[in-house]
Amino acid sequence: DEQRASMNVRIAIAHSGRGSGLGQEALELGIATLFTHSPIQELSL
């Protein structure tokens, strides 16, 4: 949504990646990349 400078986020982790913090790290890294290198101001889910 360019007017609101917002996007939706979603994640899916297969069995081999669950319970190890890898999904959380992926979210942290993706959000940091998006907020640092784009004008996006808000994420929803």
PDB file of all heavy atoms in Angstrom:
ATOM      1  N   ASP A   1       0.877  -1.169   0.000  1.00  0.00           N
ATOM      2  CA  ASP A   1       0.000   0.000   0.000  1.00  0.00           C
ATOM      3  C   ASP A   1       0.918   1.223   0.000  1.00  0.00           C
ATOM      4  O   ASP A   1       1.464   1.607   1.040  1.00  0.00           O
ATOM      5  CB  ASP A   1      -0.903  -0.005   1.237  1.00  0.00           C
ATOM      6  CG  ASP A   1      -1.872   1.166   1.277  1.00  0.00           C
ATOM      7  OD1 ASP A   1      -1.586   2.229   0.685  1.00  0.00           O
ATOM      8  OD2 ASP A   1      -2.916   1.027   1.938  1.00  0.00           O
ATOM      9  N   GLU A   2       1.112   1.801  -1.173  1.00  0.00           N
ATOM     10  CA  GLU A   2       2.044   2.924  -1.300  1.00  0.00           C
ATOM     11  C   GLU A   2       1.589   4.148  -0.526  1.00  0.00           C
ATOM     12  O   GLU A   2       2.417   4.885   0.016  1.00  0.00           O
ATOM     13  CB  GLU A   2       2.261   3.261  -2.776  1.00  0.00           C
ATOM     14  CG  GLU A   2       3.031   2.185  -3.495  1.00  0.00           C
ATOM     15  CD  GLU A   2       3.475   2.608  -4.880  1.00  0.00           C
ATOM     16  OE1 GLU A   2       4.110   3.673  -5.005  1.00  0.00           O
ATOM     17  OE2 GLU A   2       3.181   1.857  -5.829  1.00  0.00           O
ATOM     18  N   GLN A   3       0.278   4.400  -0.478  1.00  0.00           N
ATOM     19  CA  GLN A   3      -0.257   5.563   0.243  1.00  0.00           C
ATOM     20  C   GLN A   3       0.109   5.510   1.721  1.00  0.00           C
ATOM     21  O   GLN A   3       0.459   6.523   2.311  1.00  0.00           O
ATOM     22  CB  GLN A   3      -1.786   5.648   0.104  1.00  0.00           C
ATOM     23  CG  GLN A   3      -2.269   5.841  -1.312  1.00  0.00           C
ATOM     24  CD  GLN A   3      -1.988   7.249  -1.799  1.00  0.00           C
ATOM     25  OE1 GLN A   3      -0.864   7.654  -1.891  1.00  0.00           O
ATOM     26  NE2 GLN A   3      -3.019   7.990  -2.102  1.00  0.00           N
ATOM     27  N   ARG A   4       0.002   4.329   2.320  1.00  0.00           N
ATOM     28  CA  ARG A   4       0.286   4.163   3.741  1.00  0.00           C
ATOM     29  C   ARG A   4       1.720   3.715   3.997  1.00  0.00           C
ATOM     30  O   ARG A   4       2.125   3.582   5.152  1.00  0.00           O
ATOM     31  CB  ARG A   4      -0.676   3.148   4.351  1.00  0.00           C
ATOM     32  CG  ARG A   4      -2.126   3.633   4.334  1.00  0.00           C
ATOM     33  CD  ARG A   4      -3.083   2.647   4.968  1.00  0.00           C
ATOM     34  NE  ARG A   4      -2.648   2.321   6.326  1.00  0.00           N
ATOM     35  CZ  ARG A   4      -2.760   1.117   6.876  1.00  0.00           C
ATOM     36  NH1 ARG A   4      -3.278   0.134   6.190  1.00  0.00           N
ATOM     37  NH2 ARG A   4      -2.358   0.894   8.103  1.00  0.00           N
ATOM     38  N   ALA A   5       2.476   3.465   2.946  1.00  0.00           N
ATOM     39  CA  ALA A   5       3.838   2.937   3.053  1.00  0.00           C
ATOM     40  C   ALA A   5       3.839   1.686   3.926  1.00  0.00           C
ATOM     41  O   ALA A   5       4.616   1.550   4.873  1.00  0.00           O
ATOM     42  CB  ALA A   5       4.805   3.989   3.582  1.00  0.00           C
ATOM     43  N   SER A   6       2.941   0.758   3.571  1.00  0.00           N
ATOM     44  CA  SER A   6       2.808  -0.452   4.374  1.00  0.00           C
ATOM     45  C   SER A   6       2.766  -1.697   3.494  1.00  0.00           C
ATOM     46  O   SER A   6       2.487  -1.614   2.296  1.00  0.00           O
ATOM     47  CB  SER A   6       1.554  -0.374   5.241  1.00  0.00           C
ATOM     48  OG  SER A   6       0.398  -0.453   4.437  1.00  0.00           O
ATOM     49  N   MET A   7       3.056  -2.816   4.127  1.00  0.00           N
ATOM     50  CA  MET A   7       2.988  -4.112   3.461  1.00  0.00           C
ATOM     51  C   MET A   7       2.516  -5.145   4.470  1.00  0.00           C
ATOM     52  O   MET A   7       2.575  -4.929   5.684  1.00  0.00           O
ATOM     53  CB  MET A   7       4.370  -4.536   2.927  1.00  0.00           C
ATOM     54  CG  MET A   7       4.901  -3.659   1.813  1.00  0.00           C
ATOM     55  SD  MET A   7       6.437  -4.284   1.107  1.00  0.00           S
ATOM     56  CE  MET A   7       5.779  -5.453  -0.095  1.00  0.00           C
ATOM     57  N   ASN A   8       2.089  -6.272   3.941  1.00  0.00           N
ATOM     58  CA  ASN A   8       1.772  -7.440   4.741  1.00  0.00           C
ATOM     59  C   ASN A   8       3.019  -8.324   4.784  1.00  0.00           C
ATOM     60  O   ASN A   8       3.845  -8.300   3.875  1.00  0.00           O
ATOM     61  CB  ASN A   8       0.615  -8.197   4.089  1.00  0.00           C
ATOM     62  CG  ASN A   8       0.239  -9.437   4.844  1.00  0.00           C
ATOM     63  OD1 ASN A   8      -0.367  -9.365   5.904  1.00  0.00           O
ATOM     64  ND2 ASN A   8       0.612 -10.584   4.313  1.00  0.00           N
ATOM     65  N   VAL A   9       3.144  -9.110   5.834  1.00  0.00           N
ATOM     66  CA  VAL A   9       4.239 -10.081   5.912  1.00  0.00           C
ATOM     67  C   VAL A   9       3.651 -11.433   6.287  1.00  0.00           C
ATOM     68  O   VAL A   9       2.680 -11.516   7.041  1.00  0.00           O
ATOM     69  CB  VAL A   9       5.331  -9.646   6.923  1.00  0.00           C
ATOM     70  CG1 VAL A   9       4.777  -9.502   8.328  1.00  0.00           C
ATOM     71  CG2 VAL A   9       6.511 -10.608   6.900  1.00  0.00           C
ATOM     72  N   ARG A  10       4.230 -12.477   5.718  1.00  0.00           N
ATOM     73  CA  ARG A  10       3.851 -13.834   6.099  1.00  0.00           C
ATOM     74  C   ARG A  10       5.084 -14.724   6.002  1.00  0.00           C
ATOM     75  O   ARG A  10       6.024 -14.429   5.254  1.00  0.00           O
ATOM     76  CB  ARG A  10       2.700 -14.374   5.262  1.00  0.00           C
ATOM     77  CG  ARG A  10       2.997 -14.573   3.811  1.00  0.00           C
ATOM     78  CD  ARG A  10       1.783 -15.187   3.097  1.00  0.00           C
ATOM     79  NE  ARG A  10       2.005 -15.299   1.679  1.00  0.00           N
ATOM     80  CZ  ARG A  10       2.727 -16.239   1.083  1.00  0.00           C
ATOM     81  NH1 ARG A  10       3.327 -17.162   1.796  1.00  0.00           N
ATOM     82  NH2 ARG A  10       2.869 -16.267  -0.224  1.00  0.00           N
ATOM     83  N   ILE A  11       5.053 -15.780   6.789  1.00  0.00           N
ATOM     84  CA  ILE A  11       6.196 -16.701   6.821  1.00  0.00           C
ATOM     85  C   ILE A  11       5.672 -18.121   6.953  1.00  0.00           C
ATOM     86  O   ILE A  11       4.629 -18.357   7.575  1.00  0.00           O
ATOM     87  CB  ILE A  11       7.152 -16.345   7.987  1.00  0.00           C
ATOM     88  CG1 ILE A  11       8.427 -17.177   7.937  1.00  0.00           C
ATOM     89  CG2 ILE A  11       6.439 -16.439   9.328  1.00  0.00           C
ATOM     90  CD1 ILE A  11       9.517 -16.700   8.891  1.00  0.00           C
ATOM     91  N   ALA A  12       6.384 -19.055   6.365  1.00  0.00           N
ATOM     92  CA  ALA A  12       6.085 -20.478   6.516  1.00  0.00           C
ATOM     93  C   ALA A  12       7.419 -21.199   6.691  1.00  0.00           C
ATOM     94  O   ALA A  12       8.362 -20.954   5.934  1.00  0.00           O
ATOM     95  CB  ALA A  12       5.340 -21.022   5.300  1.00  0.00           C
ATOM     96  N   ILE A  13       7.478 -22.060   7.699  1.00  0.00           N
ATOM     97  CA  ILE A  13       8.700 -22.800   7.999  1.00  0.00           C
ATOM     98  C   ILE A  13       8.391 -24.294   7.962  1.00  0.00           C
ATOM     99  O   ILE A  13       7.460 -24.758   8.627  1.00  0.00           O
ATOM    100  CB  ILE A  13       9.260 -22.426   9.395  1.00  0.00           C
ATOM    101  CG1 ILE A  13       9.534 -20.927   9.499  1.00  0.00           C
ATOM    102  CG2 ILE A  13      10.504 -23.243   9.728  1.00  0.00           C
ATOM    103  CD1 ILE A  13      10.691 -20.433   8.653  1.00  0.00           C
ATOM    104  N   ALA A  14       9.197 -25.046   7.208  1.00  0.00           N
ATOM    105  CA  ALA A  14       9.043 -26.498   7.143  1.00  0.00           C
ATOM    106  C   ALA A  14       9.500 -27.136   8.450  1.00  0.00           C
ATOM    107  O   ALA A  14      10.193 -26.517   9.264  1.00  0.00           O
ATOM    108  CB  ALA A  14       9.854 -27.055   5.974  1.00  0.00           C
ATOM    109  N   HIS A  15       9.140 -28.378   8.617  1.00  0.00           N
ATOM    110  CA  HIS A  15       9.455 -29.118   9.839  1.00  0.00           C
ATOM    111  C   HIS A  15      10.934 -29.009  10.224  1.00  0.00           C
ATOM    112  O   HIS A  15      11.268 -28.817  11.390  1.00  0.00           O
ATOM    113  CB  HIS A  15       9.043 -30.587   9.680  1.00  0.00           C
ATOM    114  CG  HIS A  15       9.365 -31.421  10.861  1.00  0.00           C
ATOM    115  ND1 HIS A  15       8.646 -31.355  12.035  1.00  0.00           N
ATOM    116  CD2 HIS A  15      10.358 -32.319  11.072  1.00  0.00           C
ATOM    117  CE1 HIS A  15       9.177 -32.180  12.913  1.00  0.00           C
ATOM    118  NE2 HIS A  15      10.209 -32.781  12.355  1.00  0.00           N
ATOM    119  N   SER A  16      11.817 -29.121   9.250  1.00  0.00           N
ATOM    120  CA  SER A  16      13.258 -29.127   9.521  1.00  0.00           C
ATOM    121  C   SER A  16      13.765 -27.810  10.097  1.00  0.00           C
ATOM    122  O   SER A  16      14.856 -27.765  10.669  1.00  0.00           O
ATOM    123  CB  SER A  16      14.041 -29.459   8.245  1.00  0.00           C
ATOM    124  OG  SER A  16      13.771 -28.490   7.246  1.00  0.00           O
ATOM    125  N   GLY A  17      12.989 -26.740   9.987  1.00  0.00           N
ATOM    126  CA  GLY A  17      13.435 -25.449  10.506  1.00  0.00           C
ATOM    127  C   GLY A  17      12.693 -24.975  11.740  1.00  0.00           C
ATOM    128  O   GLY A  17      13.005 -23.916  12.284  1.00  0.00           O
ATOM    129  N   ARG A  18      11.721 -25.735  12.192  1.00  0.00           N
ATOM    130  CA  ARG A  18      10.898 -25.297  13.321  1.00  0.00           C
ATOM    131  C   ARG A  18      11.574 -25.512  14.663  1.00  0.00           C
ATOM    132  O   ARG A  18      12.319 -26.461  14.850  1.00  0.00           O
ATOM    133  CB  ARG A  18       9.568 -26.058  13.325  1.00  0.00           C
ATOM    134  CG  ARG A  18       8.615 -25.530  12.323  1.00  0.00           C
ATOM    135  CD  ARG A  18       7.216 -26.118  12.509  1.00  0.00           C
ATOM    136  NE  ARG A  18       6.640 -26.225  11.183  1.00  0.00           N
ATOM    137  CZ  ARG A  18       6.392 -27.343  10.550  1.00  0.00           C
ATOM    138  NH1 ARG A  18       6.575 -28.501  11.117  1.00  0.00           N
ATOM    139  NH2 ARG A  18       5.915 -27.312   9.339  1.00  0.00           N
ATOM    140  N   GLY A  19      11.267 -24.593  15.588  1.00  0.00           N
ATOM    141  CA  GLY A  19      11.719 -24.753  16.964  1.00  0.00           C
ATOM    142  C   GLY A  19      13.174 -24.428  17.206  1.00  0.00           C
ATOM    143  O   GLY A  19      13.701 -24.692  18.282  1.00  0.00           O
ATOM    144  N   SER A  20      13.833 -23.841  16.227  1.00  0.00           N
ATOM    145  CA  SER A  20      15.266 -23.570  16.349  1.00  0.00           C
ATOM    146  C   SER A  20      15.598 -22.084  16.304  1.00  0.00           C
ATOM    147  O   SER A  20      16.764 -21.713  16.360  1.00  0.00           O
ATOM    148  CB  SER A  20      16.018 -24.289  15.221  1.00  0.00           C
ATOM    149  OG  SER A  20      15.542 -23.812  13.966  1.00  0.00           O
ATOM    150  N   GLY A  21      14.581 -21.233  16.161  1.00  0.00           N
ATOM    151  CA  GLY A  21      14.818 -19.795  16.077  1.00  0.00           C
ATOM    152  C   GLY A  21      15.139 -19.307  14.677  1.00  0.00           C
ATOM    153  O   GLY A  21      15.337 -18.103  14.475  1.00  0.00           O
ATOM    154  N   LEU A  22      15.181 -20.207  13.711  1.00  0.00           N
ATOM    155  CA  LEU A  22      15.515 -19.792  12.343  1.00  0.00           C
ATOM    156  C   LEU A  22      14.424 -18.920  11.742  1.00  0.00           C
ATOM    157  O   LEU A  22      14.718 -17.962  11.018  1.00  0.00           O
ATOM    158  CB  LEU A  22      15.779 -21.013  11.460  1.00  0.00           C
ATOM    159  CG  LEU A  22      16.989 -21.870  11.856  1.00  0.00           C
ATOM    160  CD1 LEU A  22      17.086 -23.102  10.967  1.00  0.00           C
ATOM    161  CD2 LEU A  22      18.275 -21.060  11.809  1.00  0.00           C
ATOM    162  N   GLY A  23      13.165 -19.215  12.028  1.00  0.00           N
ATOM    163  CA  GLY A  23      12.067 -18.386  11.530  1.00  0.00           C
ATOM    164  C   GLY A  23      12.126 -16.986  12.114  1.00  0.00           C
ATOM    165  O   GLY A  23      11.925 -15.999  11.406  1.00  0.00           O
ATOM    166  N   GLN A  24      12.407 -16.887  13.400  1.00  0.00           N
ATOM    167  CA  GLN A  24      12.532 -15.571  14.033  1.00  0.00           C
ATOM    168  C   GLN A  24      13.690 -14.790  13.424  1.00  0.00           C
ATOM    169  O   GLN A  24      13.556 -13.611  13.127  1.00  0.00           O
ATOM    170  CB  GLN A  24      12.737 -15.704  15.541  1.00  0.00           C
ATOM    171  CG  GLN A  24      12.866 -14.351  16.223  1.00  0.00           C
ATOM    172  CD  GLN A  24      12.958 -14.448  17.734  1.00  0.00           C
ATOM    173  OE1 GLN A  24      12.372 -15.330  18.339  1.00  0.00           O
ATOM    174  NE2 GLN A  24      13.690 -13.532  18.319  1.00  0.00           N
ATOM    175  N   GLU A  25      14.822 -15.456  13.212  1.00  0.00           N
ATOM    176  CA  GLU A  25      15.954 -14.766  12.592  1.00  0.00           C
ATOM    177  C   GLU A  25      15.607 -14.305  11.181  1.00  0.00           C
ATOM    178  O   GLU A  25      15.974 -13.204  10.771  1.00  0.00           O
ATOM    179  CB  GLU A  25      17.196 -15.661  12.559  1.00  0.00           C
ATOM    180  CG  GLU A  25      18.401 -14.922  11.988  1.00  0.00           C
ATOM    181  CD  GLU A  25      19.671 -15.754  11.923  1.00  0.00           C
ATOM    182  OE1 GLU A  25      19.824 -16.720  12.688  1.00  0.00           O
ATOM    183  OE2 GLU A  25      20.533 -15.417  11.083  1.00  0.00           O
ATOM    184  N   ALA A  26      14.884 -15.136  10.431  1.00  0.00           N
ATOM    185  CA  ALA A  26      14.477 -14.753   9.073  1.00  0.00           C
ATOM    186  C   ALA A  26      13.594 -13.508   9.116  1.00  0.00           C
ATOM    187  O   ALA A  26      13.783 -12.577   8.328  1.00  0.00           O
ATOM    188  CB  ALA A  26      13.753 -15.907   8.385  1.00  0.00           C
ATOM    189  N   LEU A  27      12.631 -13.494  10.031  1.00  0.00           N
ATOM    190  CA  LEU A  27      11.772 -12.311  10.170  1.00  0.00           C
ATOM    191  C   LEU A  27      12.575 -11.077  10.544  1.00  0.00           C
ATOM    192  O   LEU A  27      12.404 -10.009   9.951  1.00  0.00           O
ATOM    193  CB  LEU A  27      10.684 -12.564  11.224  1.00  0.00           C
ATOM    194  CG  LEU A  27       9.457 -13.302  10.761  1.00  0.00           C
ATOM    195  CD1 LEU A  27       8.647 -13.797  11.956  1.00  0.00           C
ATOM    196  CD2 LEU A  27       8.601 -12.431   9.863  1.00  0.00           C
ATOM    197  N   GLU A  28      13.445 -11.208  11.520  1.00  0.00           N
ATOM    198  CA  GLU A  28      14.263 -10.064  11.951  1.00  0.00           C
ATOM    199  C   GLU A  28      15.094  -9.522  10.798  1.00  0.00           C
ATOM    200  O   GLU A  28      15.130  -8.311  10.566  1.00  0.00           O
ATOM    201  CB  GLU A  28      15.187 -10.473  13.107  1.00  0.00           C
ATOM    202  CG  GLU A  28      14.476 -10.740  14.398  1.00  0.00           C
ATOM    203  CD  GLU A  28      15.367 -11.363  15.461  1.00  0.00           C
ATOM    204  OE1 GLU A  28      16.407 -11.970  15.127  1.00  0.00           O
ATOM    205  OE2 GLU A  28      15.002 -11.261  16.640  1.00  0.00           O
ATOM    206  N   LEU A  29      15.745 -10.415  10.060  1.00  0.00           N
ATOM    207  CA  LEU A  29      16.598 -10.008   8.946  1.00  0.00           C
ATOM    208  C   LEU A  29      15.782  -9.391   7.811  1.00  0.00           C
ATOM    209  O   LEU A  29      16.145  -8.344   7.264  1.00  0.00           O
ATOM    210  CB  LEU A  29      17.395 -11.213   8.446  1.00  0.00           C
ATOM    211  CG  LEU A  29      18.460 -10.959   7.386  1.00  0.00           C
ATOM    212  CD1 LEU A  29      19.513  -9.978   7.882  1.00  0.00           C
ATOM    213  CD2 LEU A  29      19.113 -12.282   7.007  1.00  0.00           C
ATOM    214  N   GLY A  30      14.670 -10.006   7.477  1.00  0.00           N
ATOM    215  CA  GLY A  30      13.823  -9.479   6.403  1.00  0.00           C
ATOM    216  C   GLY A  30      13.230  -8.122   6.750  1.00  0.00           C
ATOM    217  O   GLY A  30      13.230  -7.201   5.932  1.00  0.00           O
ATOM    218  N   ILE A  31      12.740  -7.983   7.975  1.00  0.00           N
ATOM    219  CA  ILE A  31      12.158  -6.711   8.413  1.00  0.00           C
ATOM    220  C   ILE A  31      13.224  -5.625   8.445  1.00  0.00           C
ATOM    221  O   ILE A  31      12.993  -4.509   7.965  1.00  0.00           O
ATOM    222  CB  ILE A  31      11.474  -6.872   9.788  1.00  0.00           C
ATOM    223  CG1 ILE A  31      10.215  -7.737   9.649  1.00  0.00           C
ATOM    224  CG2 ILE A  31      11.139  -5.518  10.396  1.00  0.00           C
ATOM    225  CD1 ILE A  31       9.645  -8.217  10.977  1.00  0.00           C
ATOM    226  N   ALA A  32      14.393  -5.937   8.976  1.00  0.00           N
ATOM    227  CA  ALA A  32      15.479  -4.950   9.025  1.00  0.00           C
ATOM    228  C   ALA A  32      15.879  -4.514   7.620  1.00  0.00           C
ATOM    229  O   ALA A  32      16.089  -3.320   7.361  1.00  0.00           O
ATOM    230  CB  ALA A  32      16.679  -5.527   9.772  1.00  0.00           C
ATOM    231  N   THR A  33      15.961  -5.456   6.693  1.00  0.00           N
ATOM    232  CA  THR A  33      16.310  -5.130   5.304  1.00  0.00           C
ATOM    233  C   THR A  33      15.256  -4.229   4.683  1.00  0.00           C
ATOM    234  O   THR A  33      15.576  -3.209   4.060  1.00  0.00           O
ATOM    235  CB  THR A  33      16.469  -6.430   4.485  1.00  0.00           C
ATOM    236  OG1 THR A  33      17.518  -7.214   5.059  1.00  0.00           O
ATOM    237  CG2 THR A  33      16.786  -6.129   3.032  1.00  0.00           C
ATOM    238  N   LEU A  34      13.992  -4.573   4.861  1.00  0.00           N
ATOM    239  CA  LEU A  34      12.903  -3.790   4.284  1.00  0.00           C
ATOM    240  C   LEU A  34      12.853  -2.393   4.884  1.00  0.00           C
ATOM    241  O   LEU A  34      12.761  -1.401   4.155  1.00  0.00           O
ATOM    242  CB  LEU A  34      11.574  -4.516   4.514  1.00  0.00           C
ATOM    243  CG  LEU A  34      10.356  -3.910   3.825  1.00  0.00           C
ATOM    244  CD1 LEU A  34      10.486  -4.010   2.308  1.00  0.00           C
ATOM    245  CD2 LEU A  34       9.092  -4.615   4.293  1.00  0.00           C
ATOM    246  N   PHE A  35      12.928  -2.279   6.195  1.00  0.00           N
ATOM    247  CA  PHE A  35      12.848  -0.965   6.847  1.00  0.00           C
ATOM    248  C   PHE A  35      14.081  -0.106   6.564  1.00  0.00           C
ATOM    249  O   PHE A  35      13.991   1.110   6.509  1.00  0.00           O
ATOM    250  CB  PHE A  35      12.646  -1.122   8.354  1.00  0.00           C
ATOM    251  CG  PHE A  35      11.222  -1.424   8.776  1.00  0.00           C
ATOM    252  CD1 PHE A  35      10.945  -1.700  10.093  1.00  0.00           C
ATOM    253  CD2 PHE A  35      10.172  -1.435   7.871  1.00  0.00           C
ATOM    254  CE1 PHE A  35       9.635  -1.972  10.517  1.00  0.00           C
ATOM    255  CE2 PHE A  35       8.866  -1.712   8.262  1.00  0.00           C
ATOM    256  CZ  PHE A  35       8.606  -1.975   9.597  1.00  0.00           C
ATOM    257  N   THR A  36      15.226  -0.719   6.370  1.00  0.00           N
ATOM    258  CA  THR A  36      16.461   0.039   6.117  1.00  0.00           C
ATOM    259  C   THR A  36      16.568   0.509   4.672  1.00  0.00           C
ATOM    260  O   THR A  36      17.067   1.597   4.410  1.00  0.00           O
ATOM    261  CB  THR A  36      17.693  -0.820   6.471  1.00  0.00           C
ATOM    262  OG1 THR A  36      17.611  -1.191   7.845  1.00  0.00           O
ATOM    263  CG2 THR A  36      18.986  -0.055   6.229  1.00  0.00           C
ATOM    264  N   HIS A  37      16.090  -0.299   3.740  1.00  0.00           N
ATOM    265  CA  HIS A  37      16.344  -0.019   2.325  1.00  0.00           C
ATOM    266  C   HIS A  37      15.095   0.320   1.515  1.00  0.00           C
ATOM    267  O   HIS A  37      15.125   0.246   0.283  1.00  0.00           O
ATOM    268  CB  HIS A  37      17.065  -1.199   1.685  1.00  0.00           C
ATOM    269  CG  HIS A  37      18.381  -1.506   2.314  1.00  0.00           C
ATOM    270  ND1 HIS A  37      19.484  -0.705   2.151  1.00  0.00           N
ATOM    271  CD2 HIS A  37      18.764  -2.510   3.156  1.00  0.00           C
ATOM    272  CE1 HIS A  37      20.493  -1.200   2.839  1.00  0.00           C
ATOM    273  NE2 HIS A  37      20.079  -2.297   3.454  1.00  0.00           N
ATOM    274  N   SER A  38      14.011   0.670   2.181  1.00  0.00           N
ATOM    275  CA  SER A  38      12.798   1.076   1.477  1.00  0.00           C
ATOM    276  C   SER A  38      12.052   2.099   2.328  1.00  0.00           C
ATOM    277  O   SER A  38      12.330   2.243   3.513  1.00  0.00           O
ATOM    278  CB  SER A  38      11.887  -0.136   1.205  1.00  0.00           C
ATOM    279  OG  SER A  38      11.162  -0.475   2.371  1.00  0.00           O
ATOM    280  N   PRO A  39      11.081   2.775   1.746  1.00  0.00           N
ATOM    281  CA  PRO A  39      10.292   3.736   2.517  1.00  0.00           C
ATOM    282  C   PRO A  39       9.142   3.104   3.327  1.00  0.00           C
ATOM    283  O   PRO A  39       8.339   3.820   3.916  1.00  0.00           O
ATOM    284  CB  PRO A  39       9.750   4.683   1.451  1.00  0.00           C
ATOM    285  CG  PRO A  39       9.734   3.896   0.196  1.00  0.00           C
ATOM    286  CD  PRO A  39      10.835   2.887   0.309  1.00  0.00           C
ATOM    287  N   ILE A  40       9.078   1.784   3.374  1.00  0.00           N
ATOM    288  CA  ILE A  40       8.012   1.117   4.125  1.00  0.00           C
ATOM    289  C   ILE A  40       8.089   1.525   5.595  1.00  0.00           C
ATOM    290  O   ILE A  40       9.153   1.500   6.210  1.00  0.00           O
ATOM    291  CB  ILE A  40       8.101  -0.416   3.971  1.00  0.00           C
ATOM    292  CG1 ILE A  40       7.877  -0.824   2.522  1.00  0.00           C
ATOM    293  CG2 ILE A  40       7.116  -1.131   4.904  1.00  0.00           C
ATOM    294  CD1 ILE A  40       6.519  -0.451   1.958  1.00  0.00           C
ATOM    295  N   GLN A  41       6.923   1.899   6.140  1.00  0.00           N
ATOM    296  CA  GLN A  41       6.834   2.361   7.525  1.00  0.00           C
ATOM    297  C   GLN A  41       6.100   1.393   8.446  1.00  0.00           C
ATOM    298  O   GLN A  41       6.209   1.505   9.667  1.00  0.00           O
ATOM    299  CB  GLN A  41       6.109   3.716   7.581  1.00  0.00           C
ATOM    300  CG  GLN A  41       6.812   4.828   6.845  1.00  0.00           C
ATOM    301  CD  GLN A  41       8.137   5.175   7.512  1.00  0.00           C
ATOM    302  OE1 GLN A  41       8.214   5.327   8.722  1.00  0.00           O
ATOM    303  NE2 GLN A  41       9.188   5.271   6.708  1.00  0.00           N
ATOM    304  N   GLU A  42       5.339   0.474   7.853  1.00  0.00           N
ATOM    305  CA  GLU A  42       4.493  -0.385   8.684  1.00  0.00           C
ATOM    306  C   GLU A  42       4.293  -1.743   8.030  1.00  0.00           C
ATOM    307  O   GLU A  42       4.161  -1.841   6.816  1.00  0.00           O
ATOM    308  CB  GLU A  42       3.138   0.297   8.881  1.00  0.00           C
ATOM    309  CG  GLU A  42       2.176  -0.442   9.766  1.00  0.00           C
ATOM    310  CD  GLU A  42       0.876   0.319   9.933  1.00  0.00           C
ATOM    311  OE1 GLU A  42       0.037   0.267   9.015  1.00  0.00           O
ATOM    312  OE2 GLU A  42       0.726   0.972  10.973  1.00  0.00           O
ATOM    313  N   LEU A  43       4.276  -2.775   8.867  1.00  0.00           N
ATOM    314  CA  LEU A  43       3.972  -4.121   8.409  1.00  0.00           C
ATOM    315  C   LEU A  43       2.747  -4.631   9.151  1.00  0.00           C
ATOM    316  O   LEU A  43       2.561  -4.329  10.330  1.00  0.00           O
ATOM    317  CB  LEU A  43       5.146  -5.064   8.691  1.00  0.00           C
ATOM    318  CG  LEU A  43       6.406  -4.802   7.888  1.00  0.00           C
ATOM    319  CD1 LEU A  43       7.542  -5.679   8.393  1.00  0.00           C
ATOM    320  CD2 LEU A  43       6.153  -5.049   6.412  1.00  0.00           C
ATOM    321  N   SER A  44       1.937  -5.393   8.462  1.00  0.00           N
ATOM    322  CA  SER A  44       0.772  -6.008   9.090  1.00  0.00           C
ATOM    323  C   SER A  44       0.816  -7.507   8.831  1.00  0.00           C
ATOM    324  O   SER A  44       1.487  -7.982   7.908  1.00  0.00           O
ATOM    325  CB  SER A  44      -0.516  -5.412   8.540  1.00  0.00           C
ATOM    326  OG  SER A  44      -0.623  -5.677   7.154  1.00  0.00           O
ATOM    327  N   LEU A  45       0.112  -8.247   9.666  1.00  0.00           N
ATOM    328  CA  LEU A  45      -0.017  -9.675   9.470  1.00  0.00           C
ATOM    329  C   LEU A  45      -1.281 -10.163  10.152  1.00  0.00           C
ATOM    330  O   LEU A  45      -1.847  -9.474  11.003  1.00  0.00           O
ATOM    331  CB  LEU A  45       1.209 -10.440   9.985  1.00  0.00           C
ATOM    332  CG  LEU A  45       1.568 -10.346  11.468  1.00  0.00           C
ATOM    333  CD1 LEU A  45       0.759 -11.313  12.315  1.00  0.00           C
ATOM    334  CD2 LEU A  45       3.041 -10.630  11.634  1.00  0.00           C
TER     335      LEU A  45
END
